[in-house]
């Protein structure tokens, strides 16, 4: 099984923080880098993809919980791909939850 993610856990002032990198599949973007603190997304950087959409989605997820974003974005398609960058964000966060 090929690993498509990397989780780096660290503590700062008694708070659990994680940097989570995910390689999306089936979309134009090449990498998603999350900063997560207590299951709240502090930032998301998407490498590649449609710049306006990826920057916009990144800003919209900031400050929201992992579960809220999964529920909001899971299953959104893009053309005939069967997935999308938002759907891949949801898949990344599901993977994060299963492996943290």
N, C-alpha and C. Protein backbone atom coordinates (compact mmCIF):
# COMPACT_ATOMS: atom_id res chain seq x y z
N UNK A 1 0.84 -1.18 0.00
CA UNK A 1 0.00 0.00 0.00
C UNK A 1 0.88 1.24 0.00
N UNK A 2 0.64 2.15 -0.91
CA UNK A 2 1.40 3.38 -1.01
C UNK A 2 0.82 4.41 -0.04
N UNK A 3 1.69 5.10 0.71
CA UNK A 3 1.26 6.11 1.68
C UNK A 3 1.15 7.44 0.97
N UNK A 4 0.00 8.11 1.16
CA UNK A 4 -0.24 9.39 0.53
C UNK A 4 -0.30 10.54 1.53
N UNK A 5 0.18 10.31 2.75
CA UNK A 5 0.09 11.35 3.75
C UNK A 5 1.30 11.31 4.68
N UNK A 6 1.51 12.39 5.42
CA UNK A 6 2.56 12.49 6.42
C UNK A 6 2.02 13.36 7.54
N UNK A 7 2.08 12.88 8.76
CA UNK A 7 1.61 13.65 9.92
C UNK A 7 2.80 13.96 10.81
N UNK A 8 2.97 15.24 11.14
CA UNK A 8 4.02 15.67 12.05
C UNK A 8 3.31 16.28 13.26
N UNK A 9 3.44 15.63 14.42
CA UNK A 9 2.79 16.12 15.64
C UNK A 9 3.82 16.87 16.48
N UNK A 10 3.42 18.03 17.00
CA UNK A 10 4.30 18.77 17.89
C UNK A 10 3.45 19.53 18.90
N UNK A 11 4.08 19.94 19.99
CA UNK A 11 3.39 20.66 21.06
C UNK A 11 3.95 22.06 21.15
N UNK A 12 3.06 23.01 21.37
CA UNK A 12 3.47 24.40 21.54
C UNK A 12 2.58 25.01 22.61
N UNK A 13 3.19 25.41 23.71
CA UNK A 13 2.45 26.01 24.82
C UNK A 13 1.31 25.11 25.29
N UNK A 14 1.58 23.81 25.37
CA UNK A 14 0.60 22.85 25.86
C UNK A 14 -0.50 22.48 24.89
N UNK A 15 -0.41 22.95 23.65
CA UNK A 15 -1.44 22.68 22.65
C UNK A 15 -0.88 21.69 21.62
N UNK A 16 -1.68 20.67 21.30
CA UNK A 16 -1.27 19.71 20.28
C UNK A 16 -1.49 20.34 18.91
N UNK A 17 -0.43 20.41 18.13
CA UNK A 17 -0.50 20.95 16.78
C UNK A 17 0.00 19.89 15.82
N UNK A 18 -0.57 19.89 14.61
CA UNK A 18 -0.14 18.93 13.62
C UNK A 18 0.00 19.59 12.26
N UNK A 19 1.07 19.22 11.58
CA UNK A 19 1.23 19.57 10.18
C UNK A 19 0.96 18.28 9.44
N UNK A 20 0.04 18.35 8.51
CA UNK A 20 -0.43 17.17 7.82
C UNK A 20 -0.31 17.40 6.33
N UNK A 21 0.45 16.56 5.65
CA UNK A 21 0.64 16.67 4.20
C UNK A 21 -0.05 15.49 3.53
N UNK A 22 -0.79 15.78 2.47
CA UNK A 22 -1.57 14.77 1.76
C UNK A 22 -1.36 14.92 0.26
N UNK A 23 -1.19 13.81 -0.42
CA UNK A 23 -1.06 13.80 -1.88
C UNK A 23 -2.42 13.41 -2.46
N UNK A 24 -3.14 14.36 -3.08
CA UNK A 24 -4.46 14.04 -3.63
C UNK A 24 -4.36 13.15 -4.86
N UNK A 25 -5.44 12.46 -5.14
CA UNK A 25 -5.49 11.55 -6.28
C UNK A 25 -6.65 11.94 -7.21
N UNK A 26 -6.40 11.93 -8.53
CA UNK A 26 -7.45 12.16 -9.51
C UNK A 26 -7.81 13.61 -9.76
N UNK A 27 -6.99 14.55 -9.26
CA UNK A 27 -7.26 15.98 -9.45
C UNK A 27 -5.98 16.69 -9.92
N UNK A 28 -6.12 17.96 -10.27
CA UNK A 28 -4.98 18.74 -10.77
C UNK A 28 -4.00 19.12 -9.66
N UNK A 29 -4.48 19.32 -8.44
CA UNK A 29 -3.57 19.71 -7.37
C UNK A 29 -2.63 18.56 -7.02
N UNK A 30 -1.43 18.92 -6.55
CA UNK A 30 -0.38 17.92 -6.32
C UNK A 30 -0.12 17.63 -4.85
N UNK A 31 -0.43 18.57 -3.97
CA UNK A 31 -0.17 18.37 -2.54
C UNK A 31 -1.06 19.31 -1.74
N UNK A 32 -1.50 18.85 -0.58
CA UNK A 32 -2.28 19.66 0.35
C UNK A 32 -1.55 19.64 1.69
N UNK A 33 -1.31 20.82 2.24
CA UNK A 33 -0.58 20.93 3.50
C UNK A 33 -1.48 21.64 4.51
N UNK A 34 -1.88 20.91 5.55
CA UNK A 34 -2.77 21.41 6.58
C UNK A 34 -1.97 21.72 7.85
N UNK A 35 -2.33 22.80 8.53
CA UNK A 35 -1.92 23.04 9.92
C UNK A 35 -3.17 22.87 10.74
N UNK A 36 -3.15 21.90 11.66
CA UNK A 36 -4.33 21.57 12.45
C UNK A 36 -3.97 21.67 13.92
N UNK A 37 -4.84 22.35 14.67
CA UNK A 37 -4.64 22.53 16.11
C UNK A 37 -5.93 22.14 16.82
N UNK A 38 -5.86 21.10 17.65
CA UNK A 38 -7.05 20.61 18.37
C UNK A 38 -8.22 20.35 17.43
N UNK A 39 -7.94 19.72 16.31
CA UNK A 39 -8.92 19.37 15.27
C UNK A 39 -9.59 20.58 14.61
N UNK A 40 -8.95 21.74 14.70
CA UNK A 40 -9.39 22.95 13.98
C UNK A 40 -8.34 23.25 12.93
N UNK A 41 -8.79 23.48 11.69
CA UNK A 41 -7.86 23.78 10.61
C UNK A 41 -7.42 25.23 10.73
N UNK A 42 -6.14 25.42 10.97
CA UNK A 42 -5.59 26.77 11.10
C UNK A 42 -5.18 27.32 9.74
N UNK A 43 -4.71 26.44 8.85
CA UNK A 43 -4.39 26.88 7.49
C UNK A 43 -4.35 25.67 6.57
N UNK A 44 -4.53 25.94 5.29
CA UNK A 44 -4.43 24.91 4.26
C UNK A 44 -3.76 25.55 3.05
N UNK A 45 -2.71 24.92 2.59
CA UNK A 45 -2.02 25.34 1.37
C UNK A 45 -2.19 24.22 0.36
N UNK A 46 -2.69 24.56 -0.83
CA UNK A 46 -2.85 23.58 -1.90
C UNK A 46 -1.86 23.92 -3.00
N UNK A 47 -1.01 22.95 -3.33
CA UNK A 47 0.00 23.13 -4.36
C UNK A 47 -0.58 22.60 -5.68
N UNK A 48 -0.58 23.45 -6.70
CA UNK A 48 -1.13 23.06 -8.00
C UNK A 48 -2.63 23.27 -8.04
N UNK A 49 -3.24 22.91 -9.14
CA UNK A 49 -4.69 23.09 -9.29
C UNK A 49 -5.02 24.47 -9.82
N UNK A 50 -6.29 24.79 -9.81
CA UNK A 50 -6.79 26.10 -10.28
C UNK A 50 -6.59 27.12 -9.17
N UNK A 51 -5.68 28.08 -9.34
CA UNK A 51 -5.30 28.97 -8.25
C UNK A 51 -6.46 29.70 -7.57
N UNK A 52 -7.37 30.24 -8.32
CA UNK A 52 -8.48 30.97 -7.69
C UNK A 52 -9.32 30.07 -6.81
N UNK A 53 -9.62 28.88 -7.31
CA UNK A 53 -10.43 27.95 -6.53
C UNK A 53 -9.68 27.41 -5.32
N UNK A 54 -8.43 27.02 -5.50
CA UNK A 54 -7.70 26.42 -4.39
C UNK A 54 -7.41 27.44 -3.28
N UNK A 55 -7.09 28.66 -3.65
CA UNK A 55 -6.87 29.70 -2.64
C UNK A 55 -8.18 30.02 -1.94
N UNK A 56 -9.26 30.11 -2.70
CA UNK A 56 -10.57 30.40 -2.12
C UNK A 56 -11.01 29.32 -1.15
N UNK A 57 -10.91 28.07 -1.55
CA UNK A 57 -11.29 26.96 -0.67
C UNK A 57 -10.40 26.94 0.57
N UNK A 58 -9.11 27.20 0.40
CA UNK A 58 -8.19 27.22 1.54
C UNK A 58 -8.62 28.24 2.58
N UNK A 59 -9.01 29.41 2.14
CA UNK A 59 -9.45 30.46 3.07
C UNK A 59 -10.78 30.09 3.74
N UNK A 60 -11.65 29.42 3.01
CA UNK A 60 -12.96 29.06 3.56
C UNK A 60 -12.89 27.99 4.64
N UNK A 61 -11.88 27.12 4.60
CA UNK A 61 -11.79 26.06 5.61
C UNK A 61 -11.10 26.51 6.89
N UNK A 62 -10.37 27.61 6.84
CA UNK A 62 -9.63 28.09 8.01
C UNK A 62 -10.59 28.38 9.17
N UNK A 63 -10.22 27.89 10.36
CA UNK A 63 -11.00 28.15 11.56
C UNK A 63 -12.15 27.17 11.77
N UNK A 64 -12.32 26.24 10.86
CA UNK A 64 -13.42 25.28 10.97
C UNK A 64 -12.88 23.93 11.44
N UNK A 65 -13.77 23.14 12.01
CA UNK A 65 -13.36 21.83 12.52
C UNK A 65 -13.18 20.84 11.38
N UNK A 66 -12.36 19.84 11.64
CA UNK A 66 -12.12 18.77 10.67
C UNK A 66 -13.44 18.12 10.28
N UNK A 67 -14.28 17.79 11.26
CA UNK A 67 -15.56 17.13 10.98
C UNK A 67 -16.50 18.00 10.14
N UNK A 68 -16.53 19.29 10.43
CA UNK A 68 -17.38 20.22 9.66
C UNK A 68 -16.97 20.26 8.20
N UNK A 69 -15.67 20.28 7.94
CA UNK A 69 -15.18 20.35 6.56
C UNK A 69 -15.43 19.04 5.83
N UNK A 70 -15.25 17.92 6.49
CA UNK A 70 -15.54 16.63 5.86
C UNK A 70 -17.00 16.59 5.42
N UNK A 71 -17.89 16.96 6.33
CA UNK A 71 -19.33 16.95 6.02
C UNK A 71 -19.67 17.90 4.88
N UNK A 72 -19.03 19.05 4.84
CA UNK A 72 -19.33 20.07 3.85
C UNK A 72 -18.81 19.71 2.45
N UNK A 73 -17.63 19.10 2.35
CA UNK A 73 -16.96 18.94 1.06
C UNK A 73 -17.00 17.54 0.47
N UNK A 74 -17.29 16.55 1.28
CA UNK A 74 -17.25 15.16 0.80
C UNK A 74 -18.24 14.92 -0.33
N UNK A 75 -17.72 14.32 -1.42
CA UNK A 75 -18.57 13.92 -2.54
C UNK A 75 -18.76 14.95 -3.63
N UNK A 76 -18.16 16.12 -3.50
CA UNK A 76 -18.29 17.14 -4.55
C UNK A 76 -17.49 16.69 -5.78
N UNK A 77 -18.12 16.59 -6.95
CA UNK A 77 -17.41 16.15 -8.15
C UNK A 77 -16.83 17.32 -8.95
N UNK A 78 -15.91 17.02 -9.85
CA UNK A 78 -15.37 18.00 -10.79
C UNK A 78 -15.38 17.34 -12.17
N UNK A 79 -16.25 17.80 -13.04
CA UNK A 79 -16.35 17.19 -14.36
C UNK A 79 -16.65 15.71 -14.24
N UNK A 80 -16.01 14.90 -15.04
CA UNK A 80 -16.21 13.45 -15.01
C UNK A 80 -15.16 12.71 -14.20
N UNK A 81 -14.43 13.42 -13.34
CA UNK A 81 -13.33 12.81 -12.59
C UNK A 81 -13.79 11.90 -11.46
N UNK A 82 -15.01 12.10 -10.97
CA UNK A 82 -15.47 11.33 -9.83
C UNK A 82 -14.97 11.85 -8.50
N UNK A 83 -14.19 12.90 -8.52
CA UNK A 83 -13.69 13.55 -7.32
C UNK A 83 -13.41 15.01 -7.67
N UNK A 84 -12.92 15.77 -6.72
CA UNK A 84 -12.57 17.18 -6.94
C UNK A 84 -11.57 17.57 -5.86
N UNK A 85 -11.02 18.77 -5.97
CA UNK A 85 -10.13 19.24 -4.90
C UNK A 85 -10.88 19.32 -3.57
N UNK A 86 -12.11 19.88 -3.52
CA UNK A 86 -12.84 19.85 -2.24
C UNK A 86 -13.07 18.43 -1.72
N UNK A 87 -13.44 17.50 -2.60
CA UNK A 87 -13.63 16.11 -2.18
C UNK A 87 -12.33 15.52 -1.67
N UNK A 88 -11.22 15.84 -2.30
CA UNK A 88 -9.92 15.34 -1.85
C UNK A 88 -9.53 15.94 -0.50
N UNK A 89 -9.94 17.17 -0.22
CA UNK A 89 -9.73 17.76 1.11
C UNK A 89 -10.47 16.91 2.14
N UNK A 90 -11.72 16.56 1.85
CA UNK A 90 -12.51 15.73 2.76
C UNK A 90 -11.84 14.37 2.95
N UNK A 91 -11.36 13.76 1.87
CA UNK A 91 -10.68 12.47 1.96
C UNK A 91 -9.39 12.59 2.77
N UNK A 92 -8.66 13.67 2.57
CA UNK A 92 -7.44 13.90 3.34
C UNK A 92 -7.74 13.99 4.83
N UNK A 93 -8.80 14.71 5.17
CA UNK A 93 -9.16 14.88 6.58
C UNK A 93 -9.69 13.59 7.19
N UNK A 94 -10.37 12.77 6.41
CA UNK A 94 -10.78 11.45 6.90
C UNK A 94 -9.55 10.59 7.19
N UNK A 95 -8.59 10.63 6.30
CA UNK A 95 -7.34 9.89 6.49
C UNK A 95 -6.61 10.39 7.74
N UNK A 96 -6.58 11.71 7.91
CA UNK A 96 -5.99 12.32 9.09
C UNK A 96 -6.65 11.80 10.38
N UNK A 97 -7.98 11.80 10.39
CA UNK A 97 -8.70 11.34 11.57
C UNK A 97 -8.40 9.87 11.88
N UNK A 98 -8.26 9.05 10.85
CA UNK A 98 -8.01 7.62 11.04
C UNK A 98 -6.57 7.32 11.47
N UNK A 99 -5.67 8.28 11.30
CA UNK A 99 -4.25 8.00 11.56
C UNK A 99 -3.57 8.93 12.55
N UNK A 100 -4.30 9.83 13.17
CA UNK A 100 -3.65 10.77 14.10
C UNK A 100 -3.30 10.13 15.42
